[in-house]
Amino acid sequence: NALKLFKLDNAFYPTSDQGLGALVERPTVGRIANNWREGGYLEKGAIPKDPWGQDYLYLSPGVHNRDFDLWSYGADREEGGEGEDADIVNWAPIKK
């Protein structure tokens, strides 16, 4: 949701170079975020960690037919895996 709010205000998602840090501090590289929201886009002013205490990975533009890719490698911190070791990604179809 924070990424969507950033885009609503600035007409683009943060670039890979700006990263998720653009949600808590006005970007100083790349495109200018002219309408960046004072105080940022995350309530606690910090980028949350994944459930295993690691940083989320971010790429924009994304390579999975999305404006951005956001993912975590899961508990094992390696690509792929099953169960708790499975990657958490924003490009996977929702399982029913």
N, C-alpha and C. Protein backbone atom coordinates (compact mmCIF):
# COMPACT_ATOMS: atom_id res chain seq x y z
N ASN A 1 0.82 -1.20 0.00
CA ASN A 1 0.00 0.00 0.00
C ASN A 1 0.86 1.25 0.00
N ALA A 2 1.98 1.23 0.72
CA ALA A 2 2.85 2.40 0.76
C ALA A 2 3.41 2.71 -0.62
N LEU A 3 3.75 1.68 -1.38
CA LEU A 3 4.25 1.89 -2.74
C LEU A 3 3.16 2.51 -3.61
N LYS A 4 1.93 2.06 -3.46
CA LYS A 4 0.83 2.63 -4.23
C LYS A 4 0.61 4.10 -3.88
N LEU A 5 0.69 4.43 -2.59
CA LEU A 5 0.54 5.83 -2.18
C LEU A 5 1.66 6.70 -2.74
N PHE A 6 2.89 6.18 -2.73
CA PHE A 6 4.02 6.91 -3.32
C PHE A 6 3.71 7.21 -4.78
N LYS A 7 3.23 6.20 -5.51
CA LYS A 7 2.93 6.41 -6.93
C LYS A 7 1.80 7.41 -7.12
N LEU A 8 0.77 7.34 -6.30
CA LEU A 8 -0.33 8.30 -6.41
C LEU A 8 0.17 9.73 -6.25
N ASP A 9 1.08 9.95 -5.34
CA ASP A 9 1.60 11.29 -5.10
C ASP A 9 2.60 11.74 -6.16
N ASN A 10 3.39 10.82 -6.69
CA ASN A 10 4.53 11.20 -7.52
C ASN A 10 4.46 10.72 -8.97
N ALA A 11 3.45 9.95 -9.33
CA ALA A 11 3.21 9.46 -10.69
C ALA A 11 4.22 8.42 -11.15
N PHE A 12 4.98 7.84 -10.24
CA PHE A 12 5.89 6.75 -10.56
C PHE A 12 6.21 5.98 -9.28
N TYR A 13 6.61 4.72 -9.44
CA TYR A 13 7.08 3.94 -8.29
C TYR A 13 8.55 4.27 -8.07
N PRO A 14 9.05 4.13 -6.84
CA PRO A 14 10.49 4.35 -6.65
C PRO A 14 11.28 3.43 -7.57
N THR A 15 12.38 3.93 -8.10
CA THR A 15 13.24 3.11 -8.95
C THR A 15 14.01 2.12 -8.08
N SER A 16 14.66 1.16 -8.73
CA SER A 16 15.50 0.22 -7.99
C SER A 16 16.60 0.96 -7.23
N ASP A 17 17.17 1.99 -7.85
CA ASP A 17 18.22 2.78 -7.19
C ASP A 17 17.70 3.49 -5.95
N GLN A 18 16.47 3.98 -6.01
CA GLN A 18 15.88 4.64 -4.85
C GLN A 18 15.49 3.62 -3.79
N GLY A 19 15.03 2.47 -4.24
CA GLY A 19 14.66 1.38 -3.35
C GLY A 19 13.50 1.70 -2.43
N LEU A 20 13.28 0.81 -1.50
CA LEU A 20 12.19 0.99 -0.53
C LEU A 20 12.47 2.13 0.42
N GLY A 21 13.72 2.56 0.50
CA GLY A 21 14.07 3.71 1.33
C GLY A 21 13.32 4.97 0.92
N ALA A 22 12.87 5.03 -0.34
CA ALA A 22 12.10 6.18 -0.81
C ALA A 22 10.77 6.30 -0.10
N LEU A 23 10.36 5.26 0.61
CA LEU A 23 9.11 5.32 1.35
C LEU A 23 9.27 6.00 2.70
N VAL A 24 10.51 6.14 3.17
CA VAL A 24 10.74 6.76 4.47
C VAL A 24 11.59 8.03 4.39
N GLU A 25 12.34 8.21 3.29
CA GLU A 25 13.13 9.43 3.09
C GLU A 25 12.98 9.89 1.66
N ARG A 26 12.87 11.19 1.47
CA ARG A 26 12.74 11.73 0.11
C ARG A 26 13.93 11.26 -0.72
N PRO A 27 13.68 10.67 -1.89
CA PRO A 27 14.77 10.19 -2.73
C PRO A 27 15.70 11.34 -3.16
N THR A 28 16.99 11.04 -3.20
CA THR A 28 17.98 12.03 -3.61
C THR A 28 18.66 11.64 -4.91
N VAL A 29 18.30 10.47 -5.47
CA VAL A 29 18.85 10.03 -6.75
C VAL A 29 17.70 9.73 -7.69
N GLY A 30 17.98 9.75 -8.99
CA GLY A 30 16.95 9.39 -9.96
C GLY A 30 15.88 10.46 -10.10
N ARG A 31 14.70 9.99 -10.49
CA ARG A 31 13.56 10.90 -10.69
C ARG A 31 13.25 11.67 -9.42
N ILE A 32 12.85 12.90 -9.61
CA ILE A 32 12.50 13.75 -8.48
C ILE A 32 11.07 13.44 -8.04
N ALA A 33 10.91 13.20 -6.76
CA ALA A 33 9.58 12.95 -6.18
C ALA A 33 9.03 14.29 -5.69
N ASN A 34 8.48 15.06 -6.62
CA ASN A 34 8.03 16.42 -6.32
C ASN A 34 6.94 16.50 -5.27
N ASN A 35 6.13 15.47 -5.18
CA ASN A 35 5.00 15.50 -4.23
C ASN A 35 5.19 14.50 -3.10
N TRP A 36 6.46 14.22 -2.77
CA TRP A 36 6.76 13.28 -1.70
C TRP A 36 6.09 13.75 -0.42
N ARG A 37 5.44 12.82 0.25
CA ARG A 37 4.65 13.13 1.45
C ARG A 37 5.56 13.37 2.66
N GLU A 38 5.45 14.53 3.28
CA GLU A 38 6.21 14.82 4.49
C GLU A 38 5.93 13.73 5.52
N GLY A 39 6.96 13.15 6.06
CA GLY A 39 6.80 12.06 7.02
C GLY A 39 6.87 10.69 6.38
N GLY A 40 6.84 10.64 5.04
CA GLY A 40 6.97 9.37 4.34
C GLY A 40 5.68 8.60 4.21
N TYR A 41 5.82 7.34 3.87
CA TYR A 41 4.67 6.50 3.53
C TYR A 41 4.49 5.30 4.45
N LEU A 42 5.33 5.19 5.45
CA LEU A 42 5.21 4.08 6.40
C LEU A 42 5.02 4.65 7.79
N GLU A 43 4.03 4.15 8.52
CA GLU A 43 3.63 4.71 9.80
C GLU A 43 4.77 4.85 10.80
N LYS A 44 5.60 3.86 10.91
CA LYS A 44 6.66 3.89 11.93
C LYS A 44 7.95 4.52 11.41
N GLY A 45 7.93 4.99 10.16
CA GLY A 45 9.11 5.63 9.60
C GLY A 45 10.25 4.67 9.35
N ALA A 46 9.95 3.38 9.27
CA ALA A 46 10.98 2.37 9.03
C ALA A 46 10.44 1.34 8.06
N ILE A 47 11.32 0.78 7.25
CA ILE A 47 10.94 -0.26 6.30
C ILE A 47 10.82 -1.57 7.08
N PRO A 48 9.65 -2.21 7.02
CA PRO A 48 9.50 -3.45 7.77
C PRO A 48 10.40 -4.56 7.21
N LYS A 49 10.74 -5.48 8.07
CA LYS A 49 11.52 -6.66 7.68
C LYS A 49 10.56 -7.78 7.33
N ASP A 50 11.07 -8.80 6.64
CA ASP A 50 10.24 -9.96 6.35
C ASP A 50 10.04 -10.75 7.66
N PRO A 51 9.21 -11.79 7.66
CA PRO A 51 8.94 -12.52 8.91
C PRO A 51 10.17 -13.14 9.57
N TRP A 52 11.30 -13.22 8.84
CA TRP A 52 12.53 -13.81 9.37
C TRP A 52 13.59 -12.76 9.68
N GLY A 53 13.15 -11.49 9.71
CA GLY A 53 14.05 -10.40 10.10
C GLY A 53 14.99 -9.92 9.01
N GLN A 54 14.71 -10.29 7.77
CA GLN A 54 15.57 -9.89 6.65
C GLN A 54 14.91 -8.76 5.85
N ASP A 55 15.71 -8.03 5.09
CA ASP A 55 15.18 -6.99 4.22
C ASP A 55 14.41 -7.61 3.06
N TYR A 56 13.31 -6.96 2.66
CA TYR A 56 12.63 -7.35 1.44
C TYR A 56 13.48 -6.88 0.26
N LEU A 57 13.38 -7.58 -0.85
CA LEU A 57 14.09 -7.22 -2.07
C LEU A 57 13.11 -6.51 -3.00
N TYR A 58 13.61 -5.52 -3.74
CA TYR A 58 12.75 -4.66 -4.55
C TYR A 58 13.42 -4.35 -5.87
N LEU A 59 12.65 -4.43 -6.95
CA LEU A 59 13.16 -4.12 -8.28
C LEU A 59 12.07 -3.38 -9.05
N SER A 60 12.42 -2.21 -9.57
CA SER A 60 11.45 -1.43 -10.35
C SER A 60 12.17 -0.74 -11.50
N PRO A 61 11.72 -0.95 -12.74
CA PRO A 61 10.55 -1.75 -13.07
C PRO A 61 10.79 -3.23 -12.83
N GLY A 62 9.71 -3.95 -12.60
CA GLY A 62 9.81 -5.38 -12.33
C GLY A 62 10.04 -6.17 -13.61
N VAL A 63 10.37 -7.43 -13.44
CA VAL A 63 10.61 -8.30 -14.59
C VAL A 63 9.54 -9.40 -14.71
N HIS A 64 8.51 -9.32 -13.88
CA HIS A 64 7.45 -10.33 -13.88
C HIS A 64 6.11 -9.73 -14.30
N ASN A 65 6.14 -8.90 -15.35
CA ASN A 65 4.94 -8.25 -15.86
C ASN A 65 4.25 -7.38 -14.81
N ARG A 66 5.06 -6.75 -13.99
CA ARG A 66 4.57 -5.85 -12.95
C ARG A 66 5.38 -4.57 -12.97
N ASP A 67 4.82 -3.51 -12.39
CA ASP A 67 5.56 -2.25 -12.28
C ASP A 67 6.76 -2.40 -11.36
N PHE A 68 6.62 -3.29 -10.37
CA PHE A 68 7.73 -3.55 -9.45
C PHE A 68 7.64 -4.99 -8.96
N ASP A 69 8.78 -5.53 -8.60
CA ASP A 69 8.84 -6.85 -7.96
C ASP A 69 9.26 -6.64 -6.52
N LEU A 70 8.56 -7.30 -5.61
CA LEU A 70 8.85 -7.23 -4.19
C LEU A 70 8.86 -8.66 -3.67
N TRP A 71 9.96 -9.06 -3.00
CA TRP A 71 10.04 -10.46 -2.59
C TRP A 71 10.95 -10.66 -1.40
N SER A 72 10.80 -11.84 -0.79
CA SER A 72 11.65 -12.33 0.29
C SER A 72 11.99 -13.78 -0.07
N TYR A 73 13.19 -14.21 0.28
CA TYR A 73 13.60 -15.58 -0.02
C TYR A 73 13.12 -16.59 1.03
N GLY A 74 12.35 -16.17 1.99
CA GLY A 74 11.82 -17.11 2.98
C GLY A 74 12.82 -17.44 4.07
N ALA A 75 12.46 -18.41 4.89
CA ALA A 75 13.25 -18.75 6.08
C ALA A 75 14.67 -19.19 5.76
N ASP A 76 14.87 -19.86 4.63
CA ASP A 76 16.21 -20.36 4.30
C ASP A 76 17.10 -19.30 3.63
N ARG A 77 16.52 -18.15 3.30
CA ARG A 77 17.25 -17.04 2.68
C ARG A 77 17.89 -17.41 1.34
N GLU A 78 17.28 -18.39 0.67
CA GLU A 78 17.75 -18.82 -0.64
C GLU A 78 16.58 -18.88 -1.60
N GLU A 79 16.84 -18.64 -2.87
CA GLU A 79 15.79 -18.67 -3.88
C GLU A 79 15.15 -20.06 -3.93
N GLY A 80 13.81 -20.06 -4.07
CA GLY A 80 13.06 -21.32 -4.14
C GLY A 80 12.70 -21.82 -2.76
N GLY A 81 12.43 -23.09 -2.67
CA GLY A 81 12.10 -23.70 -1.39
C GLY A 81 10.62 -23.99 -1.26
N GLU A 82 10.30 -24.73 -0.19
CA GLU A 82 8.92 -25.10 0.10
C GLU A 82 8.61 -24.80 1.55
N GLY A 83 7.32 -24.72 1.86
CA GLY A 83 6.91 -24.44 3.23
C GLY A 83 7.46 -23.09 3.68
N GLU A 84 8.05 -23.04 4.89
CA GLU A 84 8.62 -21.79 5.40
C GLU A 84 9.80 -21.31 4.57
N ASP A 85 10.41 -22.21 3.82
CA ASP A 85 11.55 -21.84 2.97
C ASP A 85 11.11 -21.25 1.63
N ALA A 86 9.81 -21.31 1.33
CA ALA A 86 9.31 -20.80 0.04
C ALA A 86 9.47 -19.30 -0.03
N ASP A 87 9.78 -18.81 -1.24
CA ASP A 87 9.88 -17.38 -1.47
C ASP A 87 8.50 -16.74 -1.33
N ILE A 88 8.47 -15.52 -0.84
CA ILE A 88 7.25 -14.72 -0.79
C ILE A 88 7.42 -13.66 -1.88
N VAL A 89 6.51 -13.64 -2.86
CA VAL A 89 6.65 -12.73 -4.00
C VAL A 89 5.34 -12.04 -4.32
N ASN A 90 5.41 -10.89 -4.97
CA ASN A 90 4.18 -10.18 -5.34
C ASN A 90 3.71 -10.55 -6.74
N TRP A 91 4.45 -11.39 -7.46
CA TRP A 91 4.05 -11.70 -8.84
C TRP A 91 3.40 -13.07 -8.99
N ALA A 92 3.31 -13.85 -7.95
CA ALA A 92 2.70 -15.17 -8.06
C ALA A 92 1.18 -15.04 -8.10
N PRO A 93 0.51 -15.90 -8.88
CA PRO A 93 -0.95 -15.87 -8.87
C PRO A 93 -1.47 -16.29 -7.49
N ILE A 94 -2.59 -15.76 -7.12
CA ILE A 94 -3.20 -16.10 -5.83
C ILE A 94 -3.77 -17.51 -5.91
N LYS A 95 -3.39 -18.34 -4.94
CA LYS A 95 -3.89 -19.73 -4.90
C LYS A 95 -5.25 -19.75 -4.25
N LYS A 96 -6.16 -20.54 -4.83
CA LYS A 96 -7.52 -20.63 -4.27
C LYS A 96 -7.71 -21.93 -3.57
